[in-house]
Amino acid sequence: MTMIHHAPCASLVCLLSFICAAGYADDAPAAATTFTAPTQFTVESTVTDAQGVRHLRLFRDADRFRTETVVDGVLSETAPVVIERIDQAMTRLLLPETKIFKEHAYFPEEFPNPLKDPSAVWTKTGSEALGKVPCDVYSVVSHGKTWKAFVKSQDNQIVHIQTANKSTRMDFQRWRLVKPDKAIFEVPAGHRQEVLTNPMDPRTRDPLFAPPDSPNQGGPNGPPRGQGRPDGPPRTKGPAESPTPRH
């Protein structure tokens, strides 16, 4: 009587099953390691940095940005509204209280924020809970500076961004992923332009609008913070020039 052995067939079936499973695994989508920030939105934020705590409202439409300071839920009349137009290589600063605006050449280091950088690179580094909210953590490189960002795992909503040394922290709330009205990126009618002392050189522009750590405003290399601002003492004038002697 001839004996039939089934073991080789069973081994062949297992091998084919393994190959098929490996093929399906190769076709499975890889976990996302990068992130693309939204390009049209309105979002509110609480910013903590060397200037203190501020509540801001940021609007973005591609390469156009508007930042407002909010006090008790409404637009501040004394803090400047910042309109940054990368498409025009221009930054405009509006003073709602006096209806004055100033403008100078755009440069990204003036008001740094990865959400305003179309070329920012977001790379996932892991997962971490922010409070009790599960988040994906990203390292964000923006204009040569590295930030740490927390993005909600559930809906990919950005909730927190901070510098590597935590000197600047931004908490985001009330995202609206809609295209803002294009009119808000223009200077409103009735505003009068005031010419900057030297609009082409950002290092010597009006201290009223200089960043907190620039040579013109605050920080270790500049005059005391608040000088020349609406909430600070008047600008200090330089020594008077000696009259030219007559001969």
C-alpha atoms as a PDB file:
ATOM      1  CA  MET A   1       0.000   0.000   0.000  1.00  0.00           C
ATOM      2  CA  THR A   2       1.398   3.344  -1.086  1.00  0.00           C
ATOM      3  CA  MET A   3       1.594   6.058   1.600  1.00  0.00           C
ATOM      4  CA  ILE A   4       0.779   9.661   0.553  1.00  0.00           C
ATOM      5  CA  HIS A   5       2.639  12.397   2.373  1.00  0.00           C
ATOM      6  CA  HIS A   6       0.926  15.832   2.569  1.00  0.00           C
ATOM      7  CA  ALA A   7       3.626  17.711   4.480  1.00  0.00           C
ATOM      8  CA  PRO A   8       5.349  19.246   1.402  1.00  0.00           C
ATOM      9  CA  CYS A   9       2.020  20.600   0.146  1.00  0.00           C
ATOM     10  CA  ALA A  10       1.274  22.170   3.501  1.00  0.00           C
ATOM     11  CA  SER A  11       4.701  23.789   3.527  1.00  0.00           C
ATOM     12  CA  LEU A  12       4.136  25.159   0.029  1.00  0.00           C
ATOM     13  CA  VAL A  13       0.815  26.685   1.065  1.00  0.00           C
ATOM     14  CA  CYS A  14       2.445  28.385   4.046  1.00  0.00           C
ATOM     15  CA  LEU A  15       5.218  29.754   1.832  1.00  0.00           C
ATOM     16  CA  LEU A  16       2.740  31.170  -0.694  1.00  0.00           C
ATOM     17  CA  SER A  17       0.712  32.741   2.132  1.00  0.00           C
ATOM     18  CA  PHE A  18       3.845  34.406   3.512  1.00  0.00           C
ATOM     19  CA  ILE A  19       4.774  35.810   0.089  1.00  0.00           C
ATOM     20  CA  CYS A  20       1.284  37.195  -0.451  1.00  0.00           C
ATOM     21  CA  ALA A  21       1.241  38.788   3.012  1.00  0.00           C
ATOM     22  CA  ALA A  22       4.615  40.385   2.349  1.00  0.00           C
ATOM     23  CA  GLY A  23       3.329  41.746  -0.951  1.00  0.00           C
ATOM     24  CA  TYR A  24       0.302  43.319   0.763  1.00  0.00           C
ATOM     25  CA  ALA A  25       2.592  44.805   3.417  1.00  0.00           C
ATOM     26  CA  ASP A  26       4.677  46.479   0.728  1.00  0.00           C
ATOM     27  CA  ASP A  27       1.535  47.984  -0.788  1.00  0.00           C
ATOM     28  CA  ALA A  28       0.284  49.332   2.563  1.00  0.00           C
ATOM     29  CA  PRO A  29       0.603  53.136   2.930  1.00  0.00           C
ATOM     30  CA  ALA A  30       3.557  54.231   5.040  1.00  0.00           C
ATOM     31  CA  ALA A  31       2.957  56.324   8.121  1.00  0.00           C
ATOM     32  CA  ALA A  32       3.124  60.037   7.352  1.00  0.00           C
ATOM     33  CA  THR A  33       6.408  61.620   8.379  1.00  0.00           C
ATOM     34  CA  THR A  34       5.728  65.134   7.092  1.00  0.00           C
ATOM     35  CA  PHE A  35       2.947  67.652   7.554  1.00  0.00           C
ATOM     36  CA  THR A  36       1.548  70.388   5.362  1.00  0.00           C
ATOM     37  CA  ALA A  37       0.199  73.402   7.224  1.00  0.00           C
ATOM     38  CA  PRO A  38      -3.049  74.931   5.938  1.00  0.00           C
ATOM     39  CA  THR A  39      -2.670  77.874   3.561  1.00  0.00           C
ATOM     40  CA  GLN A  40      -6.092  79.527   3.962  1.00  0.00           C
ATOM     41  CA  PHE A  41      -7.386  80.058   7.477  1.00  0.00           C
ATOM     42  CA  THR A  42      -8.211  82.248  10.440  1.00  0.00           C
ATOM     43  CA  VAL A  43      -6.918  81.237  13.861  1.00  0.00           C
ATOM     44  CA  GLU A  44      -6.598  82.794  17.299  1.00  0.00           C
ATOM     45  CA  SER A  45      -3.514  82.328  19.426  1.00  0.00           C
ATOM     46  CA  THR A  46      -1.995  83.145  22.778  1.00  0.00           C
ATOM     47  CA  VAL A  47       1.660  84.070  22.360  1.00  0.00           C
ATOM     48  CA  THR A  48       4.095  84.108  25.270  1.00  0.00           C
ATOM     49  CA  ASP A  49       7.537  85.576  24.645  1.00  0.00           C
ATOM     50  CA  ALA A  50       9.938  88.268  25.879  1.00  0.00           C
ATOM     51  CA  GLN A  51       7.216  90.897  25.448  1.00  0.00           C
ATOM     52  CA  GLY A  52       4.809  89.069  27.761  1.00  0.00           C
ATOM     53  CA  VAL A  53       1.497  87.437  26.884  1.00  0.00           C
ATOM     54  CA  ARG A  54      -0.487  88.607  23.866  1.00  0.00           C
ATOM     55  CA  HIS A  55      -3.666  87.424  22.205  1.00  0.00           C
ATOM     56  CA  LEU A  56      -3.430  87.487  18.427  1.00  0.00           C
ATOM     57  CA  ARG A  57      -5.657  86.703  15.484  1.00  0.00           C
ATOM     58  CA  LEU A  58      -3.882  85.466  12.347  1.00  0.00           C
ATOM     59  CA  PHE A  59      -5.340  85.421   8.841  1.00  0.00           C
ATOM     60  CA  ARG A  60      -3.649  83.679   5.919  1.00  0.00           C
ATOM     61  CA  ASP A  61      -4.418  83.418   2.234  1.00  0.00           C
ATOM     62  CA  ALA A  62      -1.479  81.708   0.531  1.00  0.00           C
ATOM     63  CA  ASP A  63       1.371  84.256   0.715  1.00  0.00           C
ATOM     64  CA  ARG A  64      -0.657  87.070   2.310  1.00  0.00           C
ATOM     65  CA  PHE A  65      -0.909  87.434   6.097  1.00  0.00           C
ATOM     66  CA  ARG A  66      -2.637  89.715   8.576  1.00  0.00           C
ATOM     67  CA  THR A  67      -1.982  89.709  12.327  1.00  0.00           C
ATOM     68  CA  GLU A  68      -4.231  91.552  14.793  1.00  0.00           C
ATOM     69  CA  THR A  69      -3.851  92.065  18.528  1.00  0.00           C
ATOM     70  CA  VAL A  70      -7.028  91.205  20.400  1.00  0.00           C
ATOM     71  CA  VAL A  71      -8.010  92.691  23.769  1.00  0.00           C
ATOM     72  CA  ASP A  72     -11.120  91.357  25.517  1.00  0.00           C
ATOM     73  CA  GLY A  73     -12.201  89.712  22.290  1.00  0.00           C
ATOM     74  CA  VAL A  74     -12.036  92.813  20.085  1.00  0.00           C
ATOM     75  CA  LEU A  75      -9.392  94.420  17.891  1.00  0.00           C
ATOM     76  CA  SER A  76      -6.928  96.562  19.838  1.00  0.00           C
ATOM     77  CA  GLU A  77      -7.005 100.228  18.850  1.00  0.00           C
ATOM     78  CA  THR A  78      -3.448 100.923  20.017  1.00  0.00           C
ATOM     79  CA  ALA A  79      -1.461  97.886  18.841  1.00  0.00           C
ATOM     80  CA  PRO A  80      -0.443  97.868  15.169  1.00  0.00           C
ATOM     81  CA  VAL A  81      -2.128  95.569  12.664  1.00  0.00           C
ATOM     82  CA  VAL A  82       0.563  93.807  10.642  1.00  0.00           C
ATOM     83  CA  ILE A  83      -0.064  92.998   6.977  1.00  0.00           C
ATOM     84  CA  GLU A  84       2.672  90.939   5.344  1.00  0.00           C
ATOM     85  CA  ARG A  85       2.548  90.531   1.576  1.00  0.00           C
ATOM     86  CA  ILE A  86       5.163  88.096   0.330  1.00  0.00           C
ATOM     87  CA  ASP A  87       3.697  88.485  -3.149  1.00  0.00           C
ATOM     88  CA  GLN A  88       4.626  92.181  -3.005  1.00  0.00           C
ATOM     89  CA  ALA A  89       7.762  91.780  -0.832  1.00  0.00           C
ATOM     90  CA  MET A  90       6.216  94.378   1.484  1.00  0.00           C
ATOM     91  CA  THR A  91       5.129  94.689   5.123  1.00  0.00           C
ATOM     92  CA  ARG A  92       2.569  97.305   6.151  1.00  0.00           C
ATOM     93  CA  LEU A  93       1.755  98.322   9.696  1.00  0.00           C
ATOM     94  CA  LEU A  94      -1.567  99.980  10.450  1.00  0.00           C
ATOM     95  CA  LEU A  95      -2.360 102.014  13.560  1.00  0.00           C
ATOM     96  CA  PRO A  96      -6.165 101.859  13.906  1.00  0.00           C
ATOM     97  CA  GLU A  97      -6.314 104.604  16.536  1.00  0.00           C
ATOM     98  CA  THR A  98      -4.582 107.251  14.408  1.00  0.00           C
ATOM     99  CA  LYS A  99      -5.378 105.768  10.962  1.00  0.00           C
ATOM    100  CA  ILE A 100      -1.698 105.907  10.032  1.00  0.00           C
ATOM    101  CA  PHE A 101       0.162 103.198   8.150  1.00  0.00           C
ATOM    102  CA  LYS A 102       3.837 102.595   7.478  1.00  0.00           C
ATOM    103  CA  GLU A 103       5.487 100.167   5.117  1.00  0.00           C
ATOM    104  CA  HIS A 104       8.895  98.688   4.483  1.00  0.00           C
ATOM    105  CA  ALA A 105      10.478  95.797   2.628  1.00  0.00           C
ATOM    106  CA  TYR A 106       9.284  92.385   3.846  1.00  0.00           C
ATOM    107  CA  PHE A 107      11.708  90.144   5.660  1.00  0.00           C
ATOM    108  CA  PRO A 108      10.537  86.985   7.477  1.00  0.00           C
ATOM    109  CA  GLU A 109      12.637  87.368  10.632  1.00  0.00           C
ATOM    110  CA  GLU A 110      10.638  90.417  11.700  1.00  0.00           C
ATOM    111  CA  PHE A 111       7.568  88.533  12.978  1.00  0.00           C
ATOM    112  CA  PRO A 112       8.646  84.853  12.931  1.00  0.00           C
ATOM    113  CA  ASN A 113       5.969  82.186  12.864  1.00  0.00           C
ATOM    114  CA  PRO A 114       6.172  78.832  11.009  1.00  0.00           C
ATOM    115  CA  LEU A 115       2.510  79.214   9.999  1.00  0.00           C
ATOM    116  CA  LYS A 116       3.546  82.225   7.923  1.00  0.00           C
ATOM    117  CA  ASP A 117       6.374  80.435   6.144  1.00  0.00           C
ATOM    118  CA  PRO A 118       5.323  78.725   2.882  1.00  0.00           C
ATOM    119  CA  SER A 119       8.687  76.945   2.744  1.00  0.00           C
ATOM    120  CA  ALA A 120       8.685  75.585   6.319  1.00  0.00           C
ATOM    121  CA  VAL A 121       9.609  71.881   6.569  1.00  0.00           C
ATOM    122  CA  TRP A 122       7.601  69.783   9.049  1.00  0.00           C
ATOM    123  CA  THR A 123       9.122  66.420  10.030  1.00  0.00           C
ATOM    124  CA  LYS A 124       7.423  64.059  12.461  1.00  0.00           C
ATOM    125  CA  THR A 125       9.601  63.090  15.399  1.00  0.00           C
ATOM    126  CA  GLY A 126       7.168  61.140  17.555  1.00  0.00           C
ATOM    127  CA  SER A 127       3.982  61.319  19.585  1.00  0.00           C
ATOM    128  CA  GLU A 128       3.280  63.078  22.857  1.00  0.00           C
ATOM    129  CA  ALA A 129       0.269  64.166  24.882  1.00  0.00           C
ATOM    130  CA  LEU A 130      -0.221  67.885  25.328  1.00  0.00           C
ATOM    131  CA  GLY A 131      -2.173  67.988  28.544  1.00  0.00           C
ATOM    132  CA  LYS A 132      -4.606  65.135  27.883  1.00  0.00           C
ATOM    133  CA  VAL A 133      -4.683  65.626  24.113  1.00  0.00           C
ATOM    134  CA  PRO A 134      -2.803  62.981  22.057  1.00  0.00           C
ATOM    135  CA  CYS A 135      -0.588  64.768  19.540  1.00  0.00           C
ATOM    136  CA  ASP A 136       1.887  64.059  16.806  1.00  0.00           C
ATOM    137  CA  VAL A 137       5.099  65.997  17.400  1.00  0.00           C
ATOM    138  CA  TYR A 138       6.932  67.707  14.545  1.00  0.00           C
ATOM    139  CA  SER A 139      10.257  69.422  14.185  1.00  0.00           C
ATOM    140  CA  VAL A 140       9.671  72.499  12.060  1.00  0.00           C
ATOM    141  CA  VAL A 141      12.507  74.289  10.277  1.00  0.00           C
ATOM    142  CA  SER A 142      11.513  77.819   9.312  1.00  0.00           C
ATOM    143  CA  HIS A 143      13.959  80.465   8.070  1.00  0.00           C
ATOM    144  CA  GLY A 144      16.897  78.755   9.748  1.00  0.00           C
ATOM    145  CA  LYS A 145      15.181  78.362  13.137  1.00  0.00           C
ATOM    146  CA  THR A 146      13.900  75.063  14.555  1.00  0.00           C
ATOM    147  CA  TRP A 147      10.505  74.897  16.290  1.00  0.00           C
ATOM    148  CA  LYS A 148       8.592  72.116  18.007  1.00  0.00           C
ATOM    149  CA  ALA A 149       4.958  71.705  16.981  1.00  0.00           C
ATOM    150  CA  PHE A 150       2.110  69.686  18.464  1.00  0.00           C
ATOM    151  CA  VAL A 151      -0.597  68.550  16.032  1.00  0.00           C
ATOM    152  CA  LYS A 152      -3.720  66.772  17.296  1.00  0.00           C
ATOM    153  CA  SER A 153      -3.605  63.150  16.198  1.00  0.00           C
ATOM    154  CA  GLN A 154      -7.384  63.014  15.817  1.00  0.00           C
ATOM    155  CA  ASP A 155      -7.921  65.816  13.293  1.00  0.00           C
ATOM    156  CA  ASN A 156      -4.457  67.194  12.352  1.00  0.00           C
ATOM    157  CA  GLN A 157      -5.206  70.509  14.052  1.00  0.00           C
ATOM    158  CA  ILE A 158      -2.155  72.504  15.177  1.00  0.00           C
ATOM    159  CA  VAL A 159      -2.520  73.286  18.875  1.00  0.00           C
ATOM    160  CA  HIS A 160       0.931  74.438  20.025  1.00  0.00           C
ATOM    161  CA  ILE A 161       4.251  75.647  18.591  1.00  0.00           C
ATOM    162  CA  GLN A 162       7.349  76.627  20.554  1.00  0.00           C
ATOM    163  CA  THR A 163      10.972  77.495  19.908  1.00  0.00           C
ATOM    164  CA  ALA A 164      13.606  74.945  20.859  1.00  0.00           C
ATOM    165  CA  ASN A 165      14.467  76.871  24.040  1.00  0.00           C
ATOM    166  CA  LYS A 166      10.764  77.628  24.759  1.00  0.00           C
ATOM    167  CA  SER A 167      11.423  81.363  24.725  1.00  0.00           C
ATOM    168  CA  THR A 168       8.445  81.763  22.397  1.00  0.00           C
ATOM    169  CA  ARG A 169       5.298  79.678  22.828  1.00  0.00           C
ATOM    170  CA  MET A 170       2.127  79.818  20.769  1.00  0.00           C
ATOM    171  CA  ASP A 171      -1.170  78.142  21.692  1.00  0.00           C
ATOM    172  CA  PHE A 172      -3.813  78.002  18.961  1.00  0.00           C
ATOM    173  CA  GLN A 173      -7.591  77.960  19.271  1.00  0.00           C
ATOM    174  CA  ARG A 174     -10.655  78.353  17.045  1.00  0.00           C
ATOM    175  CA  TRP A 175      -9.326  77.336  13.669  1.00  0.00           C
ATOM    176  CA  ARG A 176     -11.445  78.274  10.656  1.00  0.00           C
ATOM    177  CA  LEU A 177     -10.169  76.693   7.449  1.00  0.00           C
ATOM    178  CA  VAL A 178     -11.798  79.162   5.081  1.00  0.00           C
ATOM    179  CA  LYS A 179     -10.408  81.753   2.680  1.00  0.00           C
ATOM    180  CA  PRO A 180     -10.352  85.203   4.342  1.00  0.00           C
ATOM    181  CA  ASP A 181     -11.797  88.234   2.602  1.00  0.00           C
ATOM    182  CA  LYS A 182      -9.067  89.594   0.308  1.00  0.00           C
ATOM    183  CA  ALA A 183      -9.867  93.163   1.397  1.00  0.00           C
ATOM    184  CA  ILE A 184      -8.329  92.615   4.842  1.00  0.00           C
ATOM    185  CA  PHE A 185      -4.869  92.369   3.280  1.00  0.00           C
ATOM    186  CA  GLU A 186      -5.116  95.902   1.872  1.00  0.00           C
ATOM    187  CA  VAL A 187      -4.725  99.297   3.556  1.00  0.00           C
ATOM    188  CA  PRO A 188      -8.238 100.559   4.429  1.00  0.00           C
ATOM    189  CA  ALA A 189      -9.498 103.775   2.935  1.00  0.00           C
ATOM    190  CA  GLY A 190      -8.865 106.837   5.095  1.00  0.00           C
ATOM    191  CA  HIS A 191      -5.438 105.769   6.335  1.00  0.00           C
ATOM    192  CA  ARG A 192      -2.567 108.212   5.908  1.00  0.00           C
ATOM    193  CA  GLN A 193       0.938 106.979   5.158  1.00  0.00           C
ATOM    194  CA  GLU A 194       3.805 108.061   7.383  1.00  0.00           C
ATOM    195  CA  VAL A 195       7.229 107.593   5.851  1.00  0.00           C
ATOM    196  CA  LEU A 196       9.781 105.609   7.833  1.00  0.00           C
ATOM    197  CA  THR A 197      13.135 107.168   8.633  1.00  0.00           C
ATOM    198  CA  ASN A 198      14.935 104.598   6.519  1.00  0.00           C
ATOM    199  CA  PRO A 199      12.437 102.104   5.083  1.00  0.00           C
ATOM    200  CA  MET A 200      15.052 100.233   3.040  1.00  0.00           C
ATOM    201  CA  ASP A 201      17.216  99.231   5.999  1.00  0.00           C
ATOM    202  CA  PRO A 202      15.343  97.048   8.540  1.00  0.00           C
ATOM    203  CA  ARG A 203      18.169  97.456  11.073  1.00  0.00           C
ATOM    204  CA  THR A 204      17.483 101.170  11.433  1.00  0.00           C
ATOM    205  CA  ARG A 205      13.732 101.361  10.907  1.00  0.00           C
ATOM    206  CA  ASP A 206      11.307 102.941  13.346  1.00  0.00           C
ATOM    207  CA  PRO A 207      11.768 101.371  16.832  1.00  0.00           C
ATOM    208  CA  LEU A 208       7.966 101.416  17.258  1.00  0.00           C
ATOM    209  CA  PHE A 209       7.722  98.352  15.046  1.00  0.00           C
ATOM    210  CA  ALA A 210      11.071  96.656  15.621  1.00  0.00           C
ATOM    211  CA  PRO A 211      11.080  93.075  16.991  1.00  0.00           C
ATOM    212  CA  PRO A 212      11.746  92.728  20.735  1.00  0.00           C
ATOM    213  CA  ASP A 213      15.279  91.363  20.272  1.00  0.00           C
ATOM    214  CA  SER A 214      16.395  93.563  17.408  1.00  0.00           C
ATOM    215  CA  PRO A 215      19.119  96.214  17.803  1.00  0.00           C
ATOM    216  CA  ASN A 216      16.379  98.827  17.609  1.00  0.00           C
ATOM    217  CA  GLN A 217      13.997  97.618  20.289  1.00  0.00           C
ATOM    218  CA  GLY A 218      14.574  95.841  23.555  1.00  0.00           C
ATOM    219  CA  GLY A 219      16.780  92.775  23.921  1.00  0.00           C
ATOM    220  CA  PRO A 220      20.414  92.848  25.030  1.00  0.00           C
ATOM    221  CA  ASN A 221      21.527  95.009  22.109  1.00  0.00           C
ATOM    222  CA  GLY A 222      18.840  97.699  22.038  1.00  0.00           C
ATOM    223  CA  PRO A 223      17.253 100.441  24.102  1.00  0.00           C
ATOM    224  CA  PRO A 224      14.893  99.586  26.971  1.00  0.00           C
ATOM    225  CA  ARG A 225      11.751  97.810  25.828  1.00  0.00           C
ATOM    226  CA  GLY A 226       8.779 100.112  25.450  1.00  0.00           C
ATOM    227  CA  GLN A 227      10.827 103.109  24.408  1.00  0.00           C
ATOM    228  CA  GLY A 228       9.094 104.736  21.473  1.00  0.00           C
ATOM    229  CA  ARG A 229       6.027 102.500  21.794  1.00  0.00           C
ATOM    230  CA  PRO A 230       2.531 103.698  22.720  1.00  0.00           C
ATOM    231  CA  ASP A 231       2.945 102.150  26.175  1.00  0.00           C
ATOM    232  CA  GLY A 232       6.481 103.414  26.778  1.00  0.00           C
ATOM    233  CA  PRO A 233       8.339 106.682  27.313  1.00  0.00           C
ATOM    234  CA  PRO A 234       8.982 109.018  24.400  1.00  0.00           C
ATOM    235  CA  ARG A 235      11.930 108.334  22.186  1.00  0.00           C
ATOM    236  CA  THR A 236      15.148 109.779  23.481  1.00  0.00           C
ATOM    237  CA  LYS A 237      16.587 112.376  21.166  1.00  0.00           C
ATOM    238  CA  GLY A 238      20.292 112.384  20.469  1.00  0.00           C
ATOM    239  CA  PRO A 239      22.602 115.158  21.654  1.00  0.00           C
ATOM    240  CA  ALA A 240      22.015 118.465  19.976  1.00  0.00           C
ATOM    241  CA  GLU A 241      24.493 119.365  17.305  1.00  0.00           C
ATOM    242  CA  SER A 242      26.868 122.190  18.066  1.00  0.00           C
ATOM    243  CA  PRO A 243      26.338 125.218  15.838  1.00  0.00           C
ATOM    244  CA  THR A 244      28.909 125.711  13.160  1.00  0.00           C
ATOM    245  CA  PRO A 245      31.177 128.601  14.198  1.00  0.00           C
ATOM    246  CA  ARG A 246      31.142 131.603  11.953  1.00  0.00           C
ATOM    247  CA  HIS A 247      34.364 133.098  10.671  1.00  0.00           C
END
